[in-house]
């Protein structure tokens, strides 16, 4: 009987650890997305910040992984052409002007590597 209780306790601990570790990974991913948006937001010029539809400290930027090419972005480093990086897109107040602002960011070096071409 004691062995059965002991096994049940161990099993409960293992399942709890699995559940909590899965939750922390989701929070880490969300946290890294938020910090990427905040880092990129601070790289925007005052003029670009004035164009944004949202004035939150992170500009409410949408973070996603994309392949960047010289056809869609003005790259500060040509070695990123064709590589997957983070793209942070900020909505602007007047969508009829040049369109939303997209900034490309290298998550490893924590550097802005280009801006999306706005037409």
N, C-alpha and C. Protein backbone atom coordinates (compact mmCIF):
# COMPACT_ATOMS: atom_id res chain seq x y z
N UNK A 1 0.82 -1.19 0.00
CA UNK A 1 0.00 0.00 0.00
C UNK A 1 0.87 1.27 0.00
N UNK A 2 1.94 1.27 0.81
CA UNK A 2 2.82 2.43 0.87
C UNK A 2 3.55 2.62 -0.46
N UNK A 3 3.91 1.51 -1.10
CA UNK A 3 4.59 1.60 -2.38
C UNK A 3 3.67 2.22 -3.44
N UNK A 4 2.39 1.90 -3.38
CA UNK A 4 1.42 2.45 -4.32
C UNK A 4 1.29 3.97 -4.14
N UNK A 5 1.23 4.44 -2.90
CA UNK A 5 1.15 5.88 -2.62
C UNK A 5 2.42 6.59 -3.08
N UNK A 6 3.55 5.98 -2.81
CA UNK A 6 4.83 6.55 -3.20
C UNK A 6 4.91 6.68 -4.73
N UNK A 7 4.49 5.64 -5.45
CA UNK A 7 4.49 5.67 -6.91
C UNK A 7 3.56 6.76 -7.44
N UNK A 8 2.41 6.91 -6.81
CA UNK A 8 1.45 7.92 -7.22
C UNK A 8 2.01 9.33 -7.01
N UNK A 9 2.70 9.54 -5.90
CA UNK A 9 3.31 10.84 -5.62
C UNK A 9 4.40 11.15 -6.65
N UNK A 10 5.26 10.20 -6.95
CA UNK A 10 6.33 10.39 -7.94
C UNK A 10 5.73 10.70 -9.31
N UNK A 11 4.72 9.96 -9.69
CA UNK A 11 4.07 10.17 -10.97
C UNK A 11 3.46 11.57 -11.06
N UNK A 12 2.85 12.02 -9.98
CA UNK A 12 2.27 13.37 -9.94
C UNK A 12 3.34 14.45 -10.09
N UNK A 13 4.45 14.25 -9.45
CA UNK A 13 5.55 15.21 -9.54
C UNK A 13 6.08 15.28 -10.97
N UNK A 14 6.26 14.15 -11.61
CA UNK A 14 6.76 14.10 -12.99
C UNK A 14 5.80 14.81 -13.93
N UNK A 15 4.51 14.53 -13.83
CA UNK A 15 3.53 15.19 -14.70
C UNK A 15 3.49 16.70 -14.45
N UNK A 16 3.57 17.10 -13.21
CA UNK A 16 3.58 18.54 -12.89
C UNK A 16 4.79 19.23 -13.50
N UNK A 17 5.93 18.59 -13.41
CA UNK A 17 7.16 19.16 -13.97
C UNK A 17 7.04 19.32 -15.49
N UNK A 18 6.45 18.34 -16.15
CA UNK A 18 6.27 18.41 -17.60
C UNK A 18 5.33 19.55 -17.97
N UNK A 19 4.24 19.67 -17.25
CA UNK A 19 3.26 20.73 -17.54
C UNK A 19 3.88 22.10 -17.33
N UNK A 20 4.57 22.30 -16.20
CA UNK A 20 5.15 23.61 -15.91
C UNK A 20 6.29 23.97 -16.86
N UNK A 21 7.06 22.99 -17.30
CA UNK A 21 8.15 23.30 -18.23
C UNK A 21 7.58 23.72 -19.58
N UNK A 22 6.48 23.14 -20.01
CA UNK A 22 5.83 23.54 -21.25
C UNK A 22 5.31 24.95 -21.17
N UNK A 23 4.75 25.34 -20.04
CA UNK A 23 4.23 26.70 -19.86
C UNK A 23 5.36 27.72 -19.87
N UNK A 24 6.48 27.40 -19.29
CA UNK A 24 7.57 28.37 -19.25
C UNK A 24 8.15 28.61 -20.64
N UNK A 25 8.15 27.60 -21.51
CA UNK A 25 8.64 27.80 -22.88
C UNK A 25 7.75 28.78 -23.64
N UNK A 26 6.44 28.68 -23.45
CA UNK A 26 5.52 29.60 -24.10
C UNK A 26 5.78 31.01 -23.61
N UNK A 27 5.94 31.18 -22.30
CA UNK A 27 6.21 32.51 -21.74
C UNK A 27 7.53 33.07 -22.23
N UNK A 28 8.56 32.22 -22.36
CA UNK A 28 9.85 32.68 -22.85
C UNK A 28 9.74 33.17 -24.28
N UNK A 29 8.97 32.43 -25.13
CA UNK A 29 8.80 32.84 -26.51
C UNK A 29 8.06 34.16 -26.59
N UNK A 30 7.00 34.31 -25.79
CA UNK A 30 6.26 35.57 -25.79
C UNK A 30 7.14 36.70 -25.28
N UNK A 31 7.91 36.44 -24.25
CA UNK A 31 8.80 37.46 -23.69
C UNK A 31 9.85 37.89 -24.69
N UNK A 32 10.41 36.92 -25.44
CA UNK A 32 11.43 37.30 -26.41
C UNK A 32 10.83 38.10 -27.55
N UNK A 33 9.60 37.77 -27.96
CA UNK A 33 8.94 38.55 -29.00
C UNK A 33 8.72 39.98 -28.54
N UNK A 34 8.29 40.13 -27.29
CA UNK A 34 8.05 41.47 -26.77
C UNK A 34 9.34 42.26 -26.70
N UNK A 35 10.41 41.62 -26.26
CA UNK A 35 11.67 42.36 -26.15
C UNK A 35 12.22 42.70 -27.53
N UNK A 36 12.03 41.85 -28.52
CA UNK A 36 12.46 42.14 -29.88
C UNK A 36 11.71 43.36 -30.40
N UNK A 37 10.39 43.38 -30.19
CA UNK A 37 9.60 44.52 -30.64
C UNK A 37 10.06 45.80 -29.94
N UNK A 38 10.37 45.71 -28.65
CA UNK A 38 10.82 46.89 -27.90
C UNK A 38 12.18 47.38 -28.40
N UNK A 39 13.10 46.45 -28.64
CA UNK A 39 14.44 46.82 -29.14
C UNK A 39 14.31 47.53 -30.49
N UNK A 40 13.52 46.94 -31.37
CA UNK A 40 13.36 47.51 -32.70
C UNK A 40 12.63 48.85 -32.63
N UNK A 41 11.63 48.96 -31.76
CA UNK A 41 10.91 50.23 -31.60
C UNK A 41 11.87 51.36 -31.26
N UNK A 42 12.82 51.08 -30.37
CA UNK A 42 13.78 52.12 -29.96
C UNK A 42 14.77 52.48 -31.07
N UNK A 43 14.83 51.66 -32.12
CA UNK A 43 15.71 51.99 -33.25
C UNK A 43 15.02 52.91 -34.25
N UNK A 44 13.71 53.10 -34.11
CA UNK A 44 12.97 53.95 -35.04
C UNK A 44 13.31 55.43 -34.82
N UNK A 45 13.28 56.18 -35.88
CA UNK A 45 13.50 57.63 -35.77
C UNK A 45 12.25 58.27 -35.14
N UNK A 46 12.38 59.49 -34.69
CA UNK A 46 11.24 60.21 -34.12
C UNK A 46 10.13 60.36 -35.16
N UNK A 47 10.51 60.60 -36.40
CA UNK A 47 9.53 60.72 -37.48
C UNK A 47 8.76 59.42 -37.69
N UNK A 48 9.46 58.29 -37.66
CA UNK A 48 8.80 56.99 -37.81
C UNK A 48 7.87 56.72 -36.63
N UNK A 49 8.33 57.04 -35.42
CA UNK A 49 7.49 56.84 -34.23
C UNK A 49 6.22 57.67 -34.31
N UNK A 50 6.32 58.88 -34.86
CA UNK A 50 5.15 59.76 -35.00
C UNK A 50 4.13 59.18 -35.98
N UNK A 51 4.57 58.36 -36.93
CA UNK A 51 3.67 57.74 -37.91
C UNK A 51 2.88 56.57 -37.35
N UNK A 52 3.35 55.97 -36.24
CA UNK A 52 2.75 54.75 -35.73
C UNK A 52 1.31 54.94 -35.23
N UNK A 53 0.50 53.93 -35.48
CA UNK A 53 -0.89 53.96 -35.03
C UNK A 53 -0.99 53.76 -33.51
N UNK A 54 0.02 53.13 -32.91
CA UNK A 54 0.01 52.85 -31.48
C UNK A 54 1.26 53.45 -30.86
N UNK A 55 1.11 54.14 -29.74
CA UNK A 55 2.25 54.81 -29.11
C UNK A 55 2.79 54.04 -27.90
N UNK A 56 2.52 52.74 -27.82
CA UNK A 56 3.08 51.93 -26.74
C UNK A 56 4.60 51.91 -26.85
N UNK A 57 5.30 51.62 -25.74
CA UNK A 57 6.77 51.58 -25.78
C UNK A 57 7.34 50.57 -26.77
N UNK A 58 6.58 49.54 -27.11
CA UNK A 58 7.07 48.59 -28.11
C UNK A 58 6.39 48.83 -29.46
N UNK A 59 5.58 49.90 -29.53
CA UNK A 59 4.93 50.24 -30.79
C UNK A 59 3.92 49.21 -31.24
N UNK A 60 3.66 48.21 -30.40
CA UNK A 60 2.73 47.13 -30.73
C UNK A 60 3.14 46.43 -32.02
N UNK A 61 4.46 46.22 -32.17
CA UNK A 61 4.98 45.59 -33.37
C UNK A 61 4.68 44.11 -33.44
N UNK A 62 4.37 43.64 -34.64
CA UNK A 62 4.12 42.22 -34.88
C UNK A 62 5.45 41.57 -35.25
N UNK A 63 5.85 40.57 -34.47
CA UNK A 63 7.14 39.90 -34.67
C UNK A 63 6.91 38.55 -35.34
N UNK A 64 7.64 38.31 -36.43
CA UNK A 64 7.58 37.01 -37.10
C UNK A 64 8.91 36.71 -37.77
N UNK A 65 9.13 35.43 -38.08
CA UNK A 65 10.35 35.02 -38.77
C UNK A 65 10.08 35.08 -40.27
N UNK A 66 11.01 35.70 -41.01
CA UNK A 66 10.88 35.80 -42.47
C UNK A 66 12.24 35.71 -43.12
N UNK A 67 12.23 35.31 -44.38
CA UNK A 67 13.43 35.36 -45.19
C UNK A 67 13.51 36.76 -45.77
N UNK A 68 14.62 37.43 -45.55
CA UNK A 68 14.80 38.80 -46.04
C UNK A 68 15.66 38.77 -47.30
N UNK A 69 15.28 39.58 -48.27
CA UNK A 69 16.06 39.69 -49.50
C UNK A 69 16.23 41.17 -49.84
N UNK A 70 17.19 41.45 -50.70
CA UNK A 70 17.44 42.84 -51.09
C UNK A 70 16.29 43.41 -51.91
N UNK A 71 15.42 42.55 -52.43
CA UNK A 71 14.27 43.01 -53.20
C UNK A 71 13.18 43.59 -52.30
N UNK A 72 13.11 43.16 -51.04
CA UNK A 72 12.06 43.63 -50.13
C UNK A 72 12.57 44.54 -49.02
N UNK A 73 13.90 44.66 -48.91
CA UNK A 73 14.46 45.46 -47.81
C UNK A 73 15.73 46.17 -48.22
N UNK A 74 15.99 47.27 -47.56
CA UNK A 74 17.28 47.96 -47.67
C UNK A 74 18.13 47.40 -46.54
N UNK A 75 19.07 46.54 -46.89
CA UNK A 75 19.89 45.86 -45.90
C UNK A 75 21.15 46.65 -45.57
N UNK A 76 21.49 46.71 -44.28
CA UNK A 76 22.73 47.36 -43.88
C UNK A 76 23.92 46.42 -44.05
N UNK A 77 23.62 45.12 -44.13
CA UNK A 77 24.66 44.10 -44.32
C UNK A 77 24.15 43.12 -45.38
N UNK A 78 24.76 43.12 -46.55
CA UNK A 78 24.31 42.30 -47.68
C UNK A 78 24.42 40.79 -47.41
N UNK A 79 25.18 40.38 -46.39
CA UNK A 79 25.32 38.94 -46.11
C UNK A 79 24.02 38.33 -45.59
N UNK A 80 23.05 39.16 -45.22
CA UNK A 80 21.76 38.65 -44.74
C UNK A 80 20.80 38.34 -45.88
N UNK A 81 21.14 38.71 -47.11
CA UNK A 81 20.27 38.47 -48.26
C UNK A 81 19.97 36.98 -48.38
N UNK A 82 18.68 36.62 -48.31
CA UNK A 82 18.25 35.23 -48.42
C UNK A 82 18.24 34.47 -47.10
N UNK A 83 18.50 35.14 -45.98
CA UNK A 83 18.52 34.47 -44.68
C UNK A 83 17.25 34.76 -43.89
N UNK A 84 16.92 33.83 -42.99
CA UNK A 84 15.74 34.00 -42.14
C UNK A 84 16.12 34.83 -40.91
N UNK A 85 15.37 35.90 -40.68
CA UNK A 85 15.58 36.80 -39.56
C UNK A 85 14.21 37.17 -38.98
N UNK A 86 14.20 38.01 -37.97
CA UNK A 86 12.95 38.51 -37.44
C UNK A 86 12.51 39.72 -38.25
N UNK A 87 11.23 39.79 -38.54
CA UNK A 87 10.64 40.97 -39.18
C UNK A 87 9.64 41.54 -38.18
N UNK A 88 9.81 42.81 -37.82
CA UNK A 88 8.90 43.47 -36.90
C UNK A 88 8.14 44.52 -37.70
N UNK A 89 6.82 44.37 -37.75
CA UNK A 89 5.99 45.27 -38.53
C UNK A 89 5.15 46.14 -37.60
N UNK A 90 5.23 47.44 -37.84
CA UNK A 90 4.47 48.41 -37.06
C UNK A 90 3.40 49.03 -37.96
N UNK A 91 2.17 49.03 -37.49
CA UNK A 91 1.07 49.67 -38.23
C UNK A 91 1.21 51.18 -38.13
N UNK A 92 0.93 51.87 -39.23
CA UNK A 92 0.99 53.32 -39.25
C UNK A 92 -0.43 53.90 -39.26
N UNK A 93 -0.54 55.16 -38.87
CA UNK A 93 -1.86 55.83 -38.80
C UNK A 93 -2.50 55.94 -40.18
N UNK A 94 -1.74 56.40 -41.15
CA UNK A 94 -2.26 56.63 -42.50
C UNK A 94 -1.72 55.55 -43.43
N UNK A 95 -2.49 54.48 -43.57
CA UNK A 95 -2.05 53.34 -44.39
C UNK A 95 -1.95 53.69 -45.88
N UNK A 96 -2.57 54.77 -46.29
CA UNK A 96 -2.54 55.16 -47.71
C UNK A 96 -1.22 55.82 -48.10
N UNK A 97 -0.41 56.20 -47.12
CA UNK A 97 0.85 56.87 -47.44
C UNK A 97 1.86 55.85 -47.97
N UNK A 98 2.87 55.56 -47.20
CA UNK A 98 3.94 54.66 -47.64
C UNK A 98 3.74 53.22 -47.18
N UNK A 99 2.74 52.97 -46.37
CA UNK A 99 2.50 51.64 -45.85
C UNK A 99 3.14 51.44 -44.48
N UNK A 100 2.93 50.27 -43.92
CA UNK A 100 3.45 49.96 -42.59
C UNK A 100 4.98 49.95 -42.60
N UNK A 101 5.54 50.10 -41.40
CA UNK A 101 7.00 50.11 -41.25
C UNK A 101 7.45 48.71 -40.83
N UNK A 102 8.33 48.11 -41.62
CA UNK A 102 8.89 46.80 -41.28
C UNK A 102 10.39 46.94 -41.07
N UNK A 103 10.85 46.40 -39.94
CA UNK A 103 12.27 46.45 -39.61
C UNK A 103 12.76 45.01 -39.46
N UNK A 104 13.90 44.70 -40.06
CA UNK A 104 14.47 43.35 -39.99
C UNK A 104 15.56 43.33 -38.91
N UNK A 105 15.55 42.25 -38.14
CA UNK A 105 16.36 42.18 -36.91
C UNK A 105 17.00 40.81 -36.78
N UNK A 106 18.29 40.79 -36.46
CA UNK A 106 19.00 39.54 -36.20
C UNK A 106 18.90 39.24 -34.70
N UNK A 107 18.21 38.18 -34.35
CA UNK A 107 18.00 37.81 -32.95
C UNK A 107 19.26 37.38 -32.23
N UNK A 108 20.24 36.87 -32.95
CA UNK A 108 21.49 36.42 -32.32
C UNK A 108 22.39 37.59 -31.94
N UNK A 109 22.57 38.53 -32.88
CA UNK A 109 23.44 39.67 -32.62
C UNK A 109 22.70 40.83 -31.97
N UNK A 110 21.36 40.75 -31.97
CA UNK A 110 20.50 41.81 -31.42
C UNK A 110 20.71 43.14 -32.14
N UNK A 111 20.81 43.05 -33.48
CA UNK A 111 21.03 44.25 -34.29
C UNK A 111 19.98 44.37 -35.38
N UNK A 112 19.60 45.59 -35.66
CA UNK A 112 18.74 45.88 -36.80
C UNK A 112 19.60 45.73 -38.05
N UNK A 113 19.10 44.96 -39.02
CA UNK A 113 19.91 44.70 -40.21
C UNK A 113 19.29 45.26 -41.49
N UNK A 114 18.12 45.88 -41.35
CA UNK A 114 17.52 46.49 -42.53
C UNK A 114 16.12 46.99 -42.28
N UNK A 115 15.61 47.73 -43.28
CA UNK A 115 14.25 48.27 -43.26
C UNK A 115 13.54 47.81 -44.50
N UNK A 116 12.26 47.51 -44.34
CA UNK A 116 11.44 47.14 -45.48
C UNK A 116 11.29 48.32 -46.42
N UNK A 117 11.20 48.04 -47.71
CA UNK A 117 11.03 49.09 -48.70
C UNK A 117 9.56 49.51 -48.66
N UNK A 118 9.35 50.81 -48.46
CA UNK A 118 8.00 51.38 -48.39
C UNK A 118 7.73 52.11 -49.71
N UNK A 119 6.57 51.88 -50.28
CA UNK A 119 6.25 52.51 -51.57
C UNK A 119 5.07 53.41 -51.46
